[in-house]
Amino acid sequence: MRIFTTLFSFLLVASLVTAQKTISGKVTDSSNEALIGVNILEVGTSNGTVSDLEGNYRVNVSSDEAI
């Protein structure tokens, strides 16, 4: 039981340390038309993604400060 508790505690701490948030949205122009291939970057990093054929994107960011 002690090994299980230790392992569980380790995994909990590891998941909290590497916690990320997923940001998603849709990129559109002034006519509300989807924009394809727009780069979305996390500020201060090289982490990012590109909007899809419908203008949608999803990117994992490392902290609240990136939002």
Protein backbone atom coordinates (compact mmCIF):
# COMPACT_ATOMS: atom_id res chain seq x y z
CA MET A 1 0.00 0.00 0.00
CA ARG A 2 2.87 2.36 0.77
CA ILE A 3 4.31 1.88 -2.73
CA PHE A 4 0.90 2.68 -4.26
CA THR A 5 0.59 5.86 -2.17
CA THR A 6 4.10 6.97 -3.10
CA LEU A 7 3.51 6.28 -6.80
CA PHE A 8 0.16 8.10 -6.74
CA SER A 9 1.73 11.12 -5.02
CA PHE A 10 4.54 11.21 -7.59
CA LEU A 11 2.10 11.08 -10.51
CA LEU A 12 -0.09 13.80 -8.98
CA VAL A 13 2.87 16.14 -8.50
CA ALA A 14 4.17 15.40 -12.00
CA SER A 15 0.80 16.19 -13.55
CA LEU A 16 0.54 19.48 -11.65
CA VAL A 17 4.05 20.54 -12.67
CA THR A 18 3.42 19.84 -16.35
CA ALA A 19 -0.16 21.14 -16.36
CA GLN A 20 -1.07 22.89 -19.55
CA LYS A 21 -4.12 24.70 -20.75
CA THR A 22 -5.71 24.22 -24.14
CA ILE A 23 -6.76 27.36 -25.96
CA SER A 24 -9.04 27.07 -28.97
CA GLY A 25 -10.94 29.39 -31.23
CA LYS A 26 -11.73 30.43 -34.77
CA VAL A 27 -9.91 33.00 -36.90
CA THR A 28 -12.17 35.08 -39.14
CA ASP A 29 -11.95 38.24 -41.22
CA SER A 30 -14.17 41.32 -40.94
CA SER A 31 -16.85 39.54 -43.04
CA ASN A 32 -16.82 36.60 -40.60
CA GLU A 33 -15.21 34.33 -43.23
CA ALA A 34 -12.81 31.68 -41.93
CA LEU A 35 -9.10 32.38 -42.41
CA ILE A 36 -7.08 29.31 -43.36
CA GLY A 37 -3.42 28.81 -42.41
CA VAL A 38 -3.10 31.59 -39.83
CA ASN A 39 -0.22 31.10 -37.36
CA ILE A 40 -1.20 31.16 -33.69
CA LEU A 41 1.78 31.38 -31.30
CA GLU A 42 2.19 31.31 -27.54
CA VAL A 43 3.82 34.58 -26.51
CA GLY A 44 7.54 34.27 -25.79
CA THR A 45 7.84 30.71 -27.15
CA SER A 46 8.00 28.84 -30.42
CA ASN A 47 4.91 26.84 -29.40
CA GLY A 48 2.05 27.27 -31.81
CA THR A 49 -0.34 25.92 -34.40
CA VAL A 50 -2.02 26.84 -37.68
CA SER A 51 -5.74 27.39 -38.28
CA ASP A 52 -7.48 24.63 -40.25
CA LEU A 53 -9.75 24.79 -43.32
CA GLU A 54 -12.58 26.21 -41.19
CA GLY A 55 -10.37 28.72 -39.36
CA ASN A 56 -10.35 26.66 -36.16
CA TYR A 57 -7.26 26.22 -34.01
CA ARG A 58 -6.26 24.51 -30.77
CA VAL A 59 -2.97 25.04 -28.96
CA ASN A 60 -1.66 23.89 -25.57
CA VAL A 61 -0.04 26.70 -23.57
CA SER A 62 2.19 26.32 -20.56
CA SER A 63 0.75 29.01 -18.28
CA ASP A 64 -2.00 31.55 -17.68
CA GLU A 65 0.45 34.30 -18.62
CA ALA A 66 0.37 33.13 -22.26
CA ILE A 67 -3.33 33.94 -22.53
